[in-house]
Amino acid sequence: MSEDTQTPSISEARTRILSEIGEEVTLVAASKRQSGDRIEAALEAGQRVFGENRVQEAQGRWGARRSDYADLQLRLIGPLQTNKAEDAVRLFDVIETLDREKLLKALIKAVEKTGAAAPDLLIQVNTGDEPQKGGISIDGLAALLKTARETYPGRVSGLMCIPPANEPAAPHFALLKKLADQYELSTVSMGMSGDYAVAARLGATHVRVGTALFGARDY
């Protein structure tokens, strides 16, 4: 049997994932380090929402394609440095990784300076309280959210998390959904290739899927 018949196509993988998460959940194709051919295959399959980890890589991938797809939505799902804020607000429709007031101020300044439409923001929550990982602590969430709601010129629409790799994901997903409900936030971005179905059952509105959609990354 050939490799092609053993490995589902991107279109087939997308259909399967959509059937598992249901119509109410948005599939975000995590396109980090994927080849142009795989991106085109996803676009041809109807995928229009993509998540990128790095601003510079995303600029190279989407700069020319953006004008070809009016319904394309780009979401930054990786950490953002303050010195990349201007590039980020020009390119992305949604930034999912706000986690500190310094970054919030940089984004506000970037929107004002560039005149770009303010991207929607999600606050990344460090549900596992991991010192090496990005995300605001649960204790710090209320203050950051309040400041963002009062000062950011666009919408603060939801929360995002990446659970600890060595712990069951479900309790973290349940916690993030509880926090989103508590603060009346409509968007809950959680779940990746290994646990997106669990996230969907526990209230995700968006799941960020790379390997399960594209196959192993190109390096």
Protein backbone atom coordinates (compact mmCIF):
# COMPACT_ATOMS: atom_id res chain seq x y z
CA MET A 1 0.00 0.00 0.00
CA SER A 2 1.37 3.40 -0.90
CA GLU A 3 1.97 6.15 1.62
CA ASP A 4 -0.75 8.25 -0.06
CA THR A 5 -3.39 5.60 0.61
CA GLN A 6 -2.25 5.10 4.17
CA THR A 7 -2.32 8.79 5.09
CA PRO A 8 -5.61 10.70 4.94
CA SER A 9 -5.61 13.83 2.84
CA ILE A 10 -5.91 17.23 4.49
CA SER A 11 -9.45 17.44 3.15
CA GLU A 12 -10.33 14.06 4.69
CA ALA A 13 -8.68 14.96 7.99
CA ARG A 14 -10.55 18.27 8.08
CA THR A 15 -13.88 16.55 7.45
CA ARG A 16 -13.21 14.10 10.28
CA ILE A 17 -12.18 16.81 12.75
CA LEU A 18 -15.23 18.92 11.92
CA SER A 19 -17.48 15.94 12.52
CA GLU A 20 -15.87 15.39 15.92
CA ILE A 21 -16.07 18.96 17.17
CA GLY A 22 -19.52 19.86 15.85
CA GLU A 23 -20.87 22.86 14.01
CA GLU A 24 -20.63 25.26 16.96
CA VAL A 25 -16.84 24.96 17.26
CA THR A 26 -14.42 26.71 14.88
CA LEU A 27 -11.44 24.76 13.60
CA VAL A 28 -8.29 26.89 13.67
CA ALA A 29 -5.66 25.33 11.40
CA ALA A 30 -2.35 25.70 13.24
CA SER A 31 -0.13 26.26 10.22
CA LYS A 32 3.28 26.71 11.86
CA ARG A 33 6.08 25.45 9.60
CA GLN A 34 3.71 23.88 7.08
CA SER A 35 4.67 23.90 3.42
CA GLY A 36 2.98 26.03 0.82
CA ASP A 37 1.47 22.92 -0.75
CA ARG A 38 -0.19 21.94 2.51
CA ILE A 39 -1.53 25.45 3.05
CA GLU A 40 -2.98 25.44 -0.45
CA ALA A 41 -4.53 22.02 0.15
CA ALA A 42 -6.21 23.30 3.30
CA LEU A 43 -7.51 26.37 1.47
CA GLU A 44 -8.83 24.20 -1.34
CA ALA A 45 -10.62 22.06 1.24
CA GLY A 46 -12.46 25.15 2.46
CA GLN A 47 -10.39 26.02 5.52
CA ARG A 48 -10.33 29.76 6.13
CA VAL A 49 -9.27 30.18 9.78
CA PHE A 50 -5.56 29.76 10.44
CA GLY A 51 -3.42 30.14 13.54
CA GLU A 52 0.20 31.24 13.39
CA ASN A 53 2.86 31.18 16.10
CA ARG A 54 5.27 33.80 14.81
CA VAL A 55 4.61 37.18 13.25
CA GLN A 56 7.50 37.12 10.77
CA GLU A 57 6.71 33.60 9.53
CA ALA A 58 3.06 34.54 9.12
CA GLN A 59 3.94 37.63 7.10
CA GLY A 60 5.87 35.51 4.63
CA ARG A 61 3.13 32.90 4.39
CA TRP A 62 0.07 35.12 4.14
CA GLY A 63 1.23 38.44 2.71
CA ALA A 64 0.53 37.47 -0.89
CA ARG A 65 -2.36 35.09 -0.19
CA ARG A 66 -4.40 37.50 1.91
CA SER A 67 -5.81 39.40 -1.03
CA ASP A 68 -6.96 36.15 -2.70
CA TYR A 69 -9.29 35.11 0.13
CA ALA A 70 -11.64 37.80 1.39
CA ASP A 71 -12.98 35.50 4.12
CA LEU A 72 -9.57 34.49 5.48
CA GLN A 73 -9.11 34.92 9.24
CA LEU A 74 -5.64 34.94 10.76
CA ARG A 75 -5.14 34.38 14.47
CA LEU A 76 -1.89 34.76 16.39
CA ILE A 77 -1.69 31.76 18.73
CA GLY A 78 1.96 32.06 19.75
CA PRO A 79 3.66 34.49 22.14
CA LEU A 80 3.98 38.09 21.01
CA GLN A 81 6.93 40.35 21.74
CA THR A 82 6.10 44.00 22.24
CA ASN A 83 8.44 45.06 19.43
CA LYS A 84 6.31 43.05 16.98
CA ALA A 85 3.04 44.69 18.03
CA GLU A 86 2.75 46.95 14.98
CA ASP A 87 3.31 44.10 12.54
CA ALA A 88 0.85 41.96 14.48
CA VAL A 89 -2.03 44.45 14.40
CA ARG A 90 -1.53 44.97 10.68
CA LEU A 91 -1.69 41.24 9.90
CA PHE A 92 -3.90 39.44 12.41
CA ASP A 93 -7.65 39.54 12.91
CA VAL A 94 -7.33 38.02 16.39
CA ILE A 95 -4.46 37.93 18.89
CA GLU A 96 -4.98 35.08 21.35
CA THR A 97 -1.97 35.55 23.60
CA LEU A 98 -2.39 38.77 25.56
CA ASP A 99 -0.87 37.99 28.96
CA ARG A 100 0.54 41.18 30.46
CA GLU A 101 -0.19 44.88 30.74
CA LYS A 102 3.03 45.86 28.95
CA LEU A 103 1.88 43.97 25.85
CA LEU A 104 -1.59 45.51 26.11
CA LYS A 105 -0.06 49.00 26.10
CA ALA A 106 2.10 48.10 23.10
CA LEU A 107 -0.95 46.88 21.19
CA ILE A 108 -2.93 50.02 22.00
CA LYS A 109 -0.03 52.16 20.81
CA ALA A 110 0.35 50.04 17.66
CA VAL A 111 -3.31 50.40 16.73
CA GLU A 112 -3.14 54.16 17.23
CA LYS A 113 0.10 54.53 15.26
CA THR A 114 -0.77 52.29 12.31
CA GLY A 115 -4.45 53.14 11.98
CA ALA A 116 -5.12 49.41 11.57
CA ALA A 117 -8.40 47.90 12.68
CA ALA A 118 -7.93 46.74 16.25
CA PRO A 119 -7.68 42.92 16.30
CA ASP A 120 -9.90 41.07 18.74
CA LEU A 121 -7.95 40.01 21.82
CA LEU A 122 -8.01 36.83 23.87
CA ILE A 123 -6.25 36.68 27.21
CA GLN A 124 -4.01 33.64 27.63
CA VAL A 125 -4.44 32.11 31.07
CA ASN A 126 -1.72 30.00 32.66
CA THR A 127 -4.13 27.48 34.18
CA GLY A 128 -1.31 25.23 35.34
CA ASP A 129 0.65 28.07 36.99
CA GLU A 130 3.76 26.99 35.06
CA PRO A 131 6.61 29.50 35.55
CA GLN A 132 8.15 28.79 32.15
CA LYS A 133 4.93 29.24 30.18
CA GLY A 134 3.22 32.38 28.92
CA GLY A 135 -0.17 33.39 30.24
CA ILE A 136 -1.54 35.50 33.05
CA SER A 137 -2.08 33.80 36.40
CA ILE A 138 -5.65 33.10 37.43
CA ASP A 139 -5.21 35.59 40.26
CA GLY A 140 -4.06 38.26 37.83
CA LEU A 141 -6.78 37.71 35.23
CA ALA A 142 -9.41 40.05 36.66
CA ALA A 143 -7.10 43.06 36.78
CA LEU A 144 -5.71 42.55 33.27
CA LEU A 145 -9.17 42.00 31.84
CA LYS A 146 -10.52 45.12 33.53
CA THR A 147 -7.68 47.25 32.19
CA ALA A 148 -8.04 45.81 28.69
CA ARG A 149 -11.77 46.39 28.63
CA GLU A 150 -11.31 49.99 29.73
CA THR A 151 -8.38 50.95 27.48
CA TYR A 152 -8.18 48.75 24.38
CA PRO A 153 -9.91 50.27 21.33
CA GLY A 154 -11.15 46.89 20.09
CA ARG A 155 -12.86 43.87 21.62
CA VAL A 156 -11.57 41.63 24.36
CA SER A 157 -13.60 38.60 23.37
CA GLY A 158 -12.31 35.59 25.27
CA LEU A 159 -9.73 33.39 26.93
CA MET A 160 -7.14 30.90 25.73
CA CYS A 161 -5.06 28.24 27.48
CA ILE A 162 -2.44 25.57 26.87
CA PRO A 163 -2.67 22.95 29.64
CA PRO A 164 0.49 21.43 31.15
CA ALA A 165 1.78 18.61 28.97
CA ASN A 166 2.12 16.22 31.91
CA GLU A 167 -1.41 16.67 33.29
CA PRO A 168 -4.87 15.65 32.05
CA ALA A 169 -6.21 18.46 29.91
CA ALA A 170 -9.88 18.18 30.88
CA PRO A 171 -9.70 19.94 34.27
CA HIS A 172 -7.86 22.86 32.66
CA PHE A 173 -10.46 23.10 29.90
CA ALA A 174 -13.28 23.05 32.44
CA LEU A 175 -11.55 25.76 34.45
CA LEU A 176 -11.04 28.02 31.42
CA LYS A 177 -14.70 27.66 30.43
CA LYS A 178 -15.75 28.51 33.99
CA LEU A 179 -13.57 31.63 33.96
CA ALA A 180 -14.94 32.71 30.58
CA ASP A 181 -18.49 32.36 31.86
CA GLN A 182 -17.62 34.19 35.07
CA TYR A 183 -16.30 37.19 33.13
CA GLU A 184 -18.96 37.02 30.41
CA LEU A 185 -16.53 36.25 27.62
CA SER A 186 -17.89 34.45 24.58
CA THR A 187 -14.74 32.95 23.05
CA VAL A 188 -12.90 29.98 24.58
CA SER A 189 -9.85 28.82 22.63
CA MET A 190 -8.54 25.51 23.93
CA GLY A 191 -7.61 22.09 22.63
CA MET A 192 -4.96 20.95 20.15
CA SER A 193 -4.32 17.84 18.08
CA GLY A 194 -4.31 15.40 20.98
CA ASP A 195 -7.31 16.71 22.88
CA TYR A 196 -9.49 18.88 20.65
CA ALA A 197 -12.50 16.57 20.96
CA VAL A 198 -12.34 16.79 24.76
CA ALA A 199 -12.06 20.58 24.54
CA ALA A 200 -15.09 20.75 22.27
CA ARG A 201 -17.16 18.74 24.74
CA LEU A 202 -16.10 21.03 27.58
CA GLY A 203 -17.08 24.28 25.95
CA ALA A 204 -14.39 25.32 23.47
CA THR A 205 -15.51 27.70 20.77
CA HIS A 206 -12.19 27.36 18.93
CA VAL A 207 -9.72 24.46 18.73
CA ARG A 208 -6.19 24.91 17.40
CA VAL A 209 -5.21 21.84 15.38
CA GLY A 210 -1.96 21.27 13.52
CA THR A 211 -0.65 17.72 13.21
CA ALA A 212 -4.07 16.05 13.20
CA LEU A 213 -5.02 18.21 10.22
CA PHE A 214 -1.80 18.60 8.24
CA GLY A 215 0.15 15.54 9.30
CA ALA A 216 3.69 15.88 10.67
CA ARG A 217 5.23 19.31 10.24
CA ASP A 218 7.64 20.13 7.48
CA TYR A 219 11.03 21.16 8.86
